[in-house]
Protein backbone atom coordinates (compact mmCIF):
# COMPACT_ATOMS: atom_id res chain seq x y z
CA MET A 1 33.03 63.34 78.97
CA GLY A 2 31.87 66.90 79.06
CA CYS A 3 29.60 65.94 76.16
CA SER A 4 26.84 63.46 75.41
CA LEU A 5 28.90 61.14 73.21
CA SER A 6 29.66 57.57 74.23
CA LEU A 7 33.25 56.33 74.23
CA HIS A 8 32.48 54.39 71.04
CA ASP A 9 31.24 57.57 69.34
CA VAL A 10 34.30 59.52 70.45
CA VAL A 11 36.65 56.81 69.16
CA LYS A 12 34.83 56.90 65.80
CA ALA A 13 34.95 60.70 65.69
CA PHE A 14 38.64 60.61 66.56
CA ALA A 15 39.33 58.28 63.65
CA ALA A 16 37.34 60.37 61.15
CA SER A 17 37.83 64.00 62.22
CA ARG A 18 40.54 66.16 60.69
CA SER A 19 39.73 69.17 62.87
CA PRO A 20 42.62 69.76 65.30
CA LYS A 21 40.35 71.80 67.58
CA GLU A 22 37.73 69.03 67.79
CA LEU A 23 40.37 66.33 68.26
CA LYS A 24 42.08 68.26 71.04
CA HIS A 25 38.73 68.77 72.77
CA TYR A 26 37.96 65.04 72.73
CA TRP A 27 41.49 64.14 73.77
CA LEU A 28 41.49 66.52 76.77
CA GLU A 29 37.96 65.61 77.88
CA PHE A 30 38.70 61.88 77.67
CA ARG A 31 41.77 62.29 79.86
CA LYS A 32 39.85 64.42 82.37
CA GLU A 33 37.21 61.70 82.63
CA THR A 34 39.67 58.84 82.91
CA GLY A 35 43.08 60.00 84.12
CA GLU A 36 42.06 62.17 87.03
CA LYS A 37 39.23 59.91 88.21
CA TYR A 38 41.06 56.60 88.03
CA LYS A 39 44.61 57.54 88.96
CA ASP A 40 44.30 56.42 92.59
CA LEU A 41 42.61 53.14 91.61
CA PHE A 42 45.37 52.48 89.11
CA LEU A 43 48.10 53.11 91.70
CA GLU A 44 46.27 50.80 94.13
CA ALA A 45 46.16 48.06 91.50
CA ILE A 46 49.91 48.41 90.92
CA LYS A 47 50.58 48.09 94.67
CA LYS A 48 48.38 44.99 94.85
CA ASP A 49 50.05 43.40 91.80
CA ASN A 50 53.51 44.09 93.26
CA LYS A 51 52.46 42.60 96.61
CA ASP A 52 51.09 39.49 94.87
CA ALA A 53 54.29 39.10 92.83
CA SER A 54 56.41 39.35 95.98
CA LYS A 55 54.52 36.35 97.42
CA PHE A 56 56.07 34.32 94.61
CA GLY A 57 59.57 35.68 95.23
CA TYR A 58 59.60 38.44 92.64
CA LYS A 59 60.68 42.02 93.27
CA ASN A 60 57.53 43.39 91.58
CA LYS A 61 54.91 42.61 88.93
CA ALA A 62 57.25 43.66 86.12
CA THR A 63 59.91 41.10 87.11
CA PHE A 64 57.14 38.48 87.43
CA ASN A 65 55.92 39.24 83.89
CA ILE A 66 59.45 39.20 82.47
CA ALA A 67 60.13 35.81 84.08
CA LEU A 68 57.30 34.34 81.99
CA TYR A 69 59.53 34.69 78.92
CA GLU A 70 62.00 32.11 80.31
CA ASP A 71 64.94 34.14 79.01
CA LYS A 72 67.33 35.38 81.68
CA ASP A 73 68.58 38.06 79.28
CA PHE A 74 65.11 39.16 78.14
CA VAL A 75 65.48 42.81 79.21
CA LYS A 76 68.95 43.08 77.69
CA ASN A 77 67.81 41.39 74.46
CA MET A 78 64.76 43.63 74.15
CA ALA A 79 66.87 46.72 74.76
CA GLU A 80 69.17 45.59 71.95
CA GLU A 81 66.24 45.03 69.57
CA ILE A 82 64.84 48.46 70.41
CA ARG A 83 68.27 49.98 69.83
CA LYS A 84 68.34 48.35 66.37
CA ILE A 85 64.94 49.62 65.25
CA LEU A 86 65.17 53.07 66.85
CA PRO A 87 66.80 54.74 63.81
CA PHE A 88 64.03 53.38 61.56
CA TYR A 89 61.32 54.44 64.00
CA THR A 90 62.91 57.89 64.28
CA GLN A 91 62.76 58.27 60.49
CA ILE A 92 59.11 57.16 60.36
CA HIS A 93 58.25 59.55 63.19
CA ALA A 94 59.98 62.45 61.42
CA TYR A 95 58.22 61.62 58.15
CA VAL A 96 54.77 61.46 59.80
CA ARG A 97 55.46 64.69 61.69
CA LYS A 98 56.45 66.43 58.43
CA LYS A 99 53.27 65.25 56.67
CA LEU A 100 51.09 66.32 59.61
CA ARG A 101 52.80 69.75 59.71
CA LYS A 102 52.01 70.17 56.03
CA HIS A 103 48.39 69.05 56.50
CA HIS A 104 47.71 71.06 59.68
CA LYS A 105 49.38 74.30 58.61
CA ARG A 106 48.12 76.39 61.52
CA GLU A 107 48.82 73.87 64.26
CA ASN A 108 51.82 74.21 66.53
CA ILE A 109 53.70 71.08 65.47
CA LYS A 110 57.40 71.63 66.03
CA SER A 111 59.73 70.43 63.29
CA ASP A 112 61.94 68.55 65.73
CA GLY A 113 59.67 67.62 68.63
CA PRO A 114 56.97 65.16 69.52
CA ILE A 115 53.77 64.89 67.50
CA PRO A 116 50.74 66.13 69.45
CA ALA A 117 48.92 62.92 70.39
CA HIS A 118 45.48 64.20 69.41
CA LEU A 119 46.56 64.50 65.75
CA LEU A 120 47.41 60.81 65.32
CA GLY A 121 43.85 59.63 64.60
CA ASP A 122 43.57 57.34 67.63
CA MET A 123 42.36 58.09 71.17
CA TYR A 124 45.42 56.38 72.58
CA ALA A 125 47.95 57.55 69.92
CA GLN A 126 48.91 53.91 69.38
CA LYS A 127 47.78 53.32 65.81
CA TRP A 128 48.40 55.63 62.88
CA ASN A 129 46.21 53.85 60.32
CA ASN A 130 43.46 56.48 60.56
CA ILE A 131 45.82 59.16 59.25
CA PHE A 132 47.15 57.04 56.39
CA GLU A 133 45.48 59.23 53.76
CA ILE A 134 47.38 62.22 55.16
CA VAL A 135 50.78 60.55 55.47
CA LYS A 136 50.92 58.02 52.65
CA PRO A 137 54.06 58.53 50.56
CA TYR A 138 52.35 58.50 47.16
CA PRO A 139 49.01 60.30 47.58
CA ASN A 140 47.81 59.50 44.05
CA SER A 141 48.58 55.80 44.37
CA SER A 142 45.75 53.33 44.84
CA GLY A 143 47.93 51.05 46.93
CA LEU A 144 50.61 48.44 46.49
CA PRO A 145 50.29 47.01 42.96
CA ASN A 146 51.27 43.43 43.81
CA ALA A 147 49.09 43.33 46.90
CA THR A 148 46.13 44.68 44.92
CA LYS A 149 46.76 42.17 42.14
CA ALA A 150 46.98 39.30 44.62
CA MET A 151 43.76 40.37 46.36
CA ASN A 152 41.90 40.55 43.04
CA ALA A 153 43.37 37.34 41.63
CA LYS A 154 41.55 34.04 41.68
CA LEU A 155 43.64 32.18 44.20
CA THR A 156 44.23 28.75 42.73
CA SER A 157 46.06 26.10 44.71
CA LYS A 158 49.15 26.68 42.54
CA LEU A 159 49.11 30.48 43.04
CA THR A 160 48.54 30.04 46.78
CA SER A 161 51.49 27.65 46.90
CA THR A 162 53.68 30.10 44.98
CA LEU A 163 52.76 33.01 47.29
CA LYS A 164 53.41 30.81 50.32
CA SER A 165 56.79 29.70 48.93
CA ASP A 166 57.77 33.32 48.28
CA LEU A 167 56.81 34.27 51.84
CA TRP A 168 58.67 31.34 53.36
CA SER A 169 61.84 32.04 51.41
CA THR A 170 61.64 35.74 52.35
CA LEU A 171 61.50 34.66 55.99
CA GLY A 172 64.45 32.29 55.49
CA MET A 173 62.34 29.17 55.96
CA VAL A 174 62.63 25.88 54.07
CA ASP A 175 60.29 25.44 51.10
CA LEU A 176 58.39 22.17 51.43
CA ASP A 177 56.50 22.34 48.11
CA SER A 178 58.09 19.18 46.74
CA ARG A 179 56.66 17.25 49.71
CA ILE A 180 53.05 18.38 49.56
CA VAL A 181 50.05 17.50 47.42
CA LEU A 182 48.51 20.59 45.86
CA ILE A 183 45.40 19.03 44.37
CA LYS A 184 43.35 16.22 45.85
CA PRO A 185 43.86 13.10 43.71
CA SER A 186 40.81 11.77 41.91
CA LEU A 187 39.50 8.58 43.53
CA ASP A 188 38.45 6.99 40.24
CA SER A 189 41.84 7.26 38.54
CA GLY A 190 43.82 4.06 38.64
CA PRO A 191 47.49 3.55 39.38
C-alpha cells in the first residue's frame, strides 16, 4: 500500500488517527492498491453472477437476491422505508458534518456537501463509531445515565425481567411476565 503497514495496521490507524493528512494518505493508497488492481476481476465476477442467475430464470444477480425475500413488492417497500428515514439520516449527516467542520478547522469540508470519506474514522466510511468522541452531542457527558446504571447494576432475575418487559412494551410486544417463573422453586419446599 505504498507503505509497510498491513491492512490490519491501517484499519487500526484509521480508527485512531485524527490527522486529516495521514487519513487521506491511507485512504488514497488503499484505493490505489485495491480499486485499480481488482476492478476487472470485480466486473468479471458480476458478469459470472448475472450469467448464473439467468440460468435460473432471473434477469440478473440483483433480481435473484431480491427474490430470496419472498416479497413481490420488496423493492417498492424498501424504497418507501428509505424515503421515511431519509429526513432523519439527512439531519444526522448534517450534524456530523458540522461537528467534523468544527474539529478539522483547516480541512475543506463544505457546509452543504458530502463528508470526505477519509474523515469518518473507518476505511470504508461505513461506521462512524470511531469518531464518536468528536461528534457526541454532550462532550462532557460520560454516557447515557440509565444505560450506565443498568450496566453497573447487579442484574437480579427481577431486574432482568423488568428491563425485558420495558423493552417488549416499547417494541409493542405482549408482556408474558405473569406466565413465567422468575426463580427456580426450591425442591425441598412442600405444597
